[in-house]
Amino acid sequence: MTDGLKTIIYPVKDLGRAKALFGALLGVEPYADEPYYVGYRAAGQDVGLDPNGHAKGMTGPVPYWHVSDIGSTLAALVEAGAEPLQDVQEVGGGRRIAFVRDADGNLIGLLQDPPA
């Protein structure tokens, strides 16, 4: 089951320049500011900057569908023909992510937050 698209992550090459641009666009300070990830929350949306995204196979922004069971959702997508690019991994605070490429080359991200 999905709770919809709530997160988008951009692969970036220059984290400093990307932070300046997205800070100006969103008008907020990041809630997470680490060398491996910068995250913003604005207008009910999470926007992330990943300086390692290109190395992971990200060719552009990846929309992340929030799901209740990331393992079974990932398995269902792979069974339906998606190519796994990043297996499930924890990214902090119990949050887990994964992403795949569909048959048309589109990237589909999955995100599961820890139980409340």
N, C-alpha and C. Protein backbone atom coordinates (compact mmCIF):
# COMPACT_ATOMS: atom_id res chain seq x y z
N MET A 1 0.84 -1.17 0.00
CA MET A 1 0.00 0.00 0.00
C MET A 1 0.89 1.24 0.00
N THR A 2 0.46 2.26 -0.71
CA THR A 2 1.25 3.49 -0.78
C THR A 2 0.51 4.65 -0.12
N ASP A 3 1.28 5.56 0.42
CA ASP A 3 0.75 6.80 0.97
C ASP A 3 0.97 7.95 0.01
N GLY A 4 1.45 7.64 -1.20
CA GLY A 4 1.64 8.66 -2.22
C GLY A 4 3.08 9.13 -2.34
N LEU A 5 3.27 10.06 -3.26
CA LEU A 5 4.59 10.67 -3.49
C LEU A 5 4.77 11.83 -2.53
N LYS A 6 5.78 11.71 -1.66
CA LYS A 6 6.03 12.76 -0.68
C LYS A 6 7.48 13.21 -0.67
N THR A 7 8.34 12.49 -1.39
CA THR A 7 9.77 12.77 -1.36
C THR A 7 10.32 12.71 -2.77
N ILE A 8 11.21 13.65 -3.08
CA ILE A 8 11.93 13.62 -4.35
C ILE A 8 13.40 13.89 -4.03
N ILE A 9 14.27 13.08 -4.62
CA ILE A 9 15.70 13.23 -4.36
C ILE A 9 16.41 13.51 -5.67
N TYR A 10 17.23 14.54 -5.64
CA TYR A 10 18.00 14.97 -6.80
C TYR A 10 19.45 14.52 -6.66
N PRO A 11 20.01 13.88 -7.69
CA PRO A 11 21.45 13.62 -7.66
C PRO A 11 22.16 14.94 -7.99
N VAL A 12 23.19 15.27 -7.23
CA VAL A 12 23.92 16.52 -7.47
C VAL A 12 25.41 16.26 -7.52
N LYS A 13 26.11 17.07 -8.29
CA LYS A 13 27.57 16.95 -8.38
C LYS A 13 28.28 17.90 -7.44
N ASP A 14 27.72 19.08 -7.22
CA ASP A 14 28.30 20.08 -6.34
C ASP A 14 27.29 20.39 -5.25
N LEU A 15 27.47 19.77 -4.09
CA LEU A 15 26.50 19.89 -3.01
C LEU A 15 26.35 21.33 -2.53
N GLY A 16 27.44 22.07 -2.47
CA GLY A 16 27.37 23.48 -2.03
C GLY A 16 26.51 24.33 -2.96
N ARG A 17 26.72 24.18 -4.25
CA ARG A 17 25.93 24.95 -5.22
C ARG A 17 24.47 24.53 -5.19
N ALA A 18 24.23 23.22 -5.06
CA ALA A 18 22.86 22.72 -5.01
C ALA A 18 22.14 23.22 -3.76
N LYS A 19 22.85 23.25 -2.62
CA LYS A 19 22.25 23.77 -1.38
C LYS A 19 21.85 25.22 -1.55
N ALA A 20 22.70 26.02 -2.17
CA ALA A 20 22.38 27.43 -2.38
C ALA A 20 21.15 27.58 -3.27
N LEU A 21 21.08 26.79 -4.34
CA LEU A 21 19.96 26.88 -5.27
C LEU A 21 18.66 26.44 -4.61
N PHE A 22 18.66 25.28 -3.96
CA PHE A 22 17.42 24.79 -3.36
C PHE A 22 17.03 25.59 -2.13
N GLY A 23 18.00 26.14 -1.40
CA GLY A 23 17.67 27.04 -0.29
C GLY A 23 16.93 28.27 -0.80
N ALA A 24 17.40 28.81 -1.93
CA ALA A 24 16.74 29.97 -2.53
C ALA A 24 15.36 29.60 -3.06
N LEU A 25 15.23 28.44 -3.68
CA LEU A 25 13.95 28.01 -4.23
C LEU A 25 12.93 27.75 -3.14
N LEU A 26 13.32 27.00 -2.12
CA LEU A 26 12.37 26.55 -1.10
C LEU A 26 12.18 27.55 0.03
N GLY A 27 13.16 28.42 0.25
CA GLY A 27 13.05 29.44 1.28
C GLY A 27 13.10 28.90 2.70
N VAL A 28 13.71 27.72 2.89
CA VAL A 28 13.86 27.14 4.22
C VAL A 28 15.27 26.60 4.38
N GLU A 29 15.67 26.43 5.63
CA GLU A 29 16.95 25.80 5.93
C GLU A 29 16.78 24.28 5.89
N PRO A 30 17.83 23.55 5.58
CA PRO A 30 17.70 22.08 5.56
C PRO A 30 17.47 21.51 6.95
N TYR A 31 16.69 20.44 7.03
CA TYR A 31 16.51 19.73 8.29
C TYR A 31 17.63 18.72 8.49
N ALA A 32 18.28 18.32 7.40
CA ALA A 32 19.44 17.42 7.45
C ALA A 32 20.51 18.04 6.56
N ASP A 33 21.71 18.17 7.08
CA ASP A 33 22.80 18.79 6.32
C ASP A 33 24.08 18.03 6.60
N GLU A 34 24.28 16.97 5.83
CA GLU A 34 25.44 16.10 5.98
C GLU A 34 26.18 16.03 4.66
N PRO A 35 27.46 15.64 4.66
CA PRO A 35 28.22 15.54 3.41
C PRO A 35 27.63 14.54 2.42
N TYR A 36 26.84 13.58 2.92
CA TYR A 36 26.27 12.54 2.06
C TYR A 36 24.80 12.79 1.70
N TYR A 37 24.15 13.82 2.32
CA TYR A 37 22.74 14.08 2.05
C TYR A 37 22.32 15.40 2.67
N VAL A 38 21.56 16.17 1.92
CA VAL A 38 20.94 17.39 2.45
C VAL A 38 19.45 17.28 2.18
N GLY A 39 18.64 17.49 3.22
CA GLY A 39 17.20 17.35 3.07
C GLY A 39 16.45 18.58 3.51
N TYR A 40 15.41 18.92 2.76
CA TYR A 40 14.54 20.06 3.05
C TYR A 40 13.11 19.58 3.19
N ARG A 41 12.32 20.29 3.99
CA ARG A 41 10.88 20.08 4.03
C ARG A 41 10.22 21.42 3.72
N ALA A 42 9.40 21.41 2.68
CA ALA A 42 8.71 22.63 2.29
C ALA A 42 7.40 22.27 1.62
N ALA A 43 6.34 22.95 2.00
CA ALA A 43 5.02 22.77 1.39
C ALA A 43 4.57 21.30 1.41
N GLY A 44 4.86 20.60 2.52
CA GLY A 44 4.44 19.22 2.66
C GLY A 44 5.25 18.22 1.86
N GLN A 45 6.38 18.66 1.33
CA GLN A 45 7.21 17.82 0.47
C GLN A 45 8.62 17.72 1.06
N ASP A 46 9.22 16.52 0.98
CA ASP A 46 10.63 16.37 1.30
C ASP A 46 11.41 16.45 0.00
N VAL A 47 12.46 17.27 0.00
CA VAL A 47 13.33 17.41 -1.16
C VAL A 47 14.75 17.10 -0.68
N GLY A 48 15.38 16.11 -1.31
CA GLY A 48 16.71 15.71 -0.90
C GLY A 48 17.73 15.93 -2.00
N LEU A 49 18.97 16.17 -1.58
CA LEU A 49 20.11 16.33 -2.48
C LEU A 49 21.11 15.23 -2.15
N ASP A 50 21.44 14.41 -3.14
CA ASP A 50 22.33 13.27 -2.93
C ASP A 50 23.58 13.41 -3.79
N PRO A 51 24.73 13.75 -3.18
CA PRO A 51 25.96 13.91 -3.96
C PRO A 51 26.51 12.59 -4.49
N ASN A 52 25.97 11.47 -4.04
CA ASN A 52 26.39 10.16 -4.53
C ASN A 52 25.36 9.54 -5.47
N GLY A 53 24.34 10.31 -5.80
CA GLY A 53 23.24 9.79 -6.60
C GLY A 53 23.64 9.30 -7.98
N HIS A 54 24.48 10.06 -8.67
CA HIS A 54 24.89 9.65 -10.01
C HIS A 54 25.62 8.30 -9.97
N ALA A 55 26.43 8.07 -8.95
CA ALA A 55 27.16 6.81 -8.83
C ALA A 55 26.23 5.64 -8.56
N LYS A 56 25.04 5.92 -8.00
CA LYS A 56 24.05 4.87 -7.73
C LYS A 56 23.17 4.58 -8.93
N GLY A 57 23.32 5.34 -10.00
CA GLY A 57 22.50 5.12 -11.19
C GLY A 57 21.39 6.13 -11.37
N MET A 58 21.34 7.15 -10.51
CA MET A 58 20.31 8.18 -10.66
C MET A 58 20.68 9.05 -11.87
N THR A 59 19.78 9.15 -12.82
CA THR A 59 20.01 9.95 -14.02
C THR A 59 19.26 11.27 -13.97
N GLY A 60 18.51 11.47 -12.93
CA GLY A 60 17.72 12.68 -12.72
C GLY A 60 17.00 12.55 -11.40
N PRO A 61 16.10 13.46 -11.10
CA PRO A 61 15.36 13.37 -9.84
C PRO A 61 14.59 12.06 -9.74
N VAL A 62 14.52 11.52 -8.53
CA VAL A 62 13.79 10.27 -8.29
C VAL A 62 12.64 10.56 -7.34
N PRO A 63 11.40 10.34 -7.81
CA PRO A 63 10.25 10.46 -6.90
C PRO A 63 10.16 9.21 -6.03
N TYR A 64 9.92 9.40 -4.76
CA TYR A 64 9.83 8.29 -3.82
C TYR A 64 8.40 8.11 -3.35
N TRP A 65 7.86 6.93 -3.61
CA TRP A 65 6.54 6.54 -3.13
C TRP A 65 6.69 6.05 -1.70
N HIS A 66 5.92 6.59 -0.79
CA HIS A 66 5.93 6.15 0.60
C HIS A 66 5.05 4.91 0.71
N VAL A 67 5.65 3.82 1.20
CA VAL A 67 4.97 2.54 1.27
C VAL A 67 5.02 1.98 2.68
N SER A 68 4.11 1.06 2.98
CA SER A 68 4.05 0.47 4.31
C SER A 68 4.96 -0.76 4.46
N ASP A 69 5.28 -1.43 3.35
CA ASP A 69 6.15 -2.61 3.40
C ASP A 69 7.10 -2.56 2.20
N ILE A 70 8.26 -1.98 2.41
CA ILE A 70 9.19 -1.75 1.31
C ILE A 70 9.71 -3.05 0.69
N GLY A 71 9.92 -4.07 1.51
CA GLY A 71 10.43 -5.34 0.98
C GLY A 71 9.47 -5.99 0.00
N SER A 72 8.22 -6.08 0.39
CA SER A 72 7.25 -6.73 -0.50
C SER A 72 6.94 -5.86 -1.71
N THR A 73 6.94 -4.54 -1.54
CA THR A 73 6.69 -3.66 -2.68
C THR A 73 7.83 -3.75 -3.68
N LEU A 74 9.08 -3.76 -3.19
CA LEU A 74 10.23 -3.90 -4.07
C LEU A 74 10.17 -5.24 -4.82
N ALA A 75 9.85 -6.30 -4.11
CA ALA A 75 9.76 -7.63 -4.74
C ALA A 75 8.67 -7.63 -5.82
N ALA A 76 7.55 -7.00 -5.56
CA ALA A 76 6.46 -6.95 -6.53
C ALA A 76 6.88 -6.18 -7.79
N LEU A 77 7.61 -5.09 -7.61
CA LEU A 77 8.07 -4.32 -8.76
C LEU A 77 9.07 -5.11 -9.60
N VAL A 78 9.99 -5.79 -8.94
CA VAL A 78 10.97 -6.61 -9.66
C VAL A 78 10.25 -7.75 -10.39
N GLU A 79 9.30 -8.38 -9.73
CA GLU A 79 8.51 -9.44 -10.36
C GLU A 79 7.76 -8.92 -11.59
N ALA A 80 7.35 -7.64 -11.54
CA ALA A 80 6.63 -7.03 -12.66
C ALA A 80 7.56 -6.53 -13.76
N GLY A 81 8.88 -6.71 -13.57
CA GLY A 81 9.83 -6.37 -14.63
C GLY A 81 10.75 -5.21 -14.36
N ALA A 82 10.68 -4.61 -13.18
CA ALA A 82 11.58 -3.50 -12.86
C ALA A 82 12.99 -4.02 -12.61
N GLU A 83 13.97 -3.19 -12.92
CA GLU A 83 15.38 -3.51 -12.68
C GLU A 83 15.80 -2.87 -11.36
N PRO A 84 16.21 -3.66 -10.37
CA PRO A 84 16.63 -3.06 -9.10
C PRO A 84 17.95 -2.31 -9.27
N LEU A 85 17.99 -1.07 -8.79
CA LEU A 85 19.21 -0.28 -8.84
C LEU A 85 19.80 -0.08 -7.45
N GLN A 86 18.93 0.02 -6.44
CA GLN A 86 19.40 0.14 -5.06
C GLN A 86 18.49 -0.72 -4.19
N ASP A 87 19.07 -1.73 -3.56
CA ASP A 87 18.31 -2.58 -2.67
C ASP A 87 17.91 -1.78 -1.43
N VAL A 88 17.05 -2.33 -0.63
CA VAL A 88 16.59 -1.67 0.59
C VAL A 88 17.78 -1.38 1.50
N GLN A 89 17.86 -0.12 1.93
CA GLN A 89 18.90 0.26 2.89
C GLN A 89 18.34 1.29 3.85
N GLU A 90 18.81 1.23 5.09
CA GLU A 90 18.40 2.23 6.08
C GLU A 90 19.25 3.48 5.88
N VAL A 91 18.60 4.63 5.96
CA VAL A 91 19.30 5.90 5.74
C VAL A 91 19.28 6.79 6.97
N GLY A 92 18.88 6.24 8.11
CA GLY A 92 18.89 6.99 9.35
C GLY A 92 17.52 7.07 9.99
N GLY A 93 17.49 6.93 11.30
CA GLY A 93 16.25 7.05 12.04
C GLY A 93 15.22 5.99 11.71
N GLY A 94 15.64 4.86 11.16
CA GLY A 94 14.71 3.80 10.81
C GLY A 94 14.08 3.95 9.44
N ARG A 95 14.38 5.04 8.74
CA ARG A 95 13.85 5.25 7.38
C ARG A 95 14.60 4.35 6.42
N ARG A 96 13.85 3.68 5.53
CA ARG A 96 14.44 2.75 4.57
C ARG A 96 14.05 3.18 3.17
N ILE A 97 15.00 3.07 2.23
CA ILE A 97 14.73 3.43 0.84
C ILE A 97 15.26 2.35 -0.10
N ALA A 98 14.75 2.38 -1.32
CA ALA A 98 15.22 1.54 -2.42
C ALA A 98 14.75 2.21 -3.70
N PHE A 99 15.37 1.88 -4.85
CA PHE A 99 14.80 2.34 -6.11
C PHE A 99 15.11 1.40 -7.24
N VAL A 100 14.23 1.49 -8.26
CA VAL A 100 14.29 0.60 -9.42
C VAL A 100 14.15 1.44 -10.69
N ARG A 101 14.43 0.79 -11.83
CA ARG A 101 14.20 1.40 -13.14
C ARG A 101 13.13 0.57 -13.84
N ASP A 102 12.12 1.26 -14.40
CA ASP A 102 11.09 0.52 -15.13
C ASP A 102 11.55 0.25 -16.56
N ALA A 103 10.72 -0.42 -17.34
CA ALA A 103 11.08 -0.82 -18.70
C ALA A 103 11.33 0.37 -19.62
N ASP A 104 10.81 1.54 -19.26
CA ASP A 104 11.01 2.75 -20.07
C ASP A 104 12.17 3.61 -19.58
N GLY A 105 12.89 3.14 -18.58
CA GLY A 105 14.04 3.88 -18.06
C GLY A 105 13.71 4.85 -16.95
N ASN A 106 12.44 4.91 -16.52
CA ASN A 106 12.04 5.80 -15.44
C ASN A 106 12.48 5.23 -14.10
N LEU A 107 12.93 6.10 -13.21
CA LEU A 107 13.33 5.67 -11.88
C LEU A 107 12.15 5.80 -10.93
N ILE A 108 11.96 4.77 -10.12
CA ILE A 108 10.88 4.73 -9.14
C ILE A 108 11.50 4.45 -7.78
N GLY A 109 11.33 5.39 -6.87
CA GLY A 109 11.86 5.23 -5.52
C GLY A 109 10.78 4.73 -4.57
N LEU A 110 11.21 3.99 -3.56
CA LEU A 110 10.35 3.51 -2.50
C LEU A 110 10.91 3.99 -1.18
N LEU A 111 10.05 4.39 -0.27
CA LEU A 111 10.48 4.88 1.04
C LEU A 111 9.53 4.37 2.09
N GLN A 112 10.10 3.80 3.16
CA GLN A 112 9.29 3.34 4.29
C GLN A 112 9.81 4.01 5.54
N ASP A 113 8.93 4.76 6.21
CA ASP A 113 9.29 5.37 7.48
C ASP A 113 9.13 4.35 8.59
N PRO A 114 9.83 4.55 9.71
CA PRO A 114 9.67 3.63 10.82
C PRO A 114 8.26 3.76 11.41
N PRO A 115 7.78 2.71 12.07
CA PRO A 115 6.46 2.80 12.71
C PRO A 115 6.41 3.96 13.70
N ALA A 116 5.27 4.62 13.77
CA ALA A 116 5.12 5.77 14.67
C ALA A 116 4.99 5.35 16.11
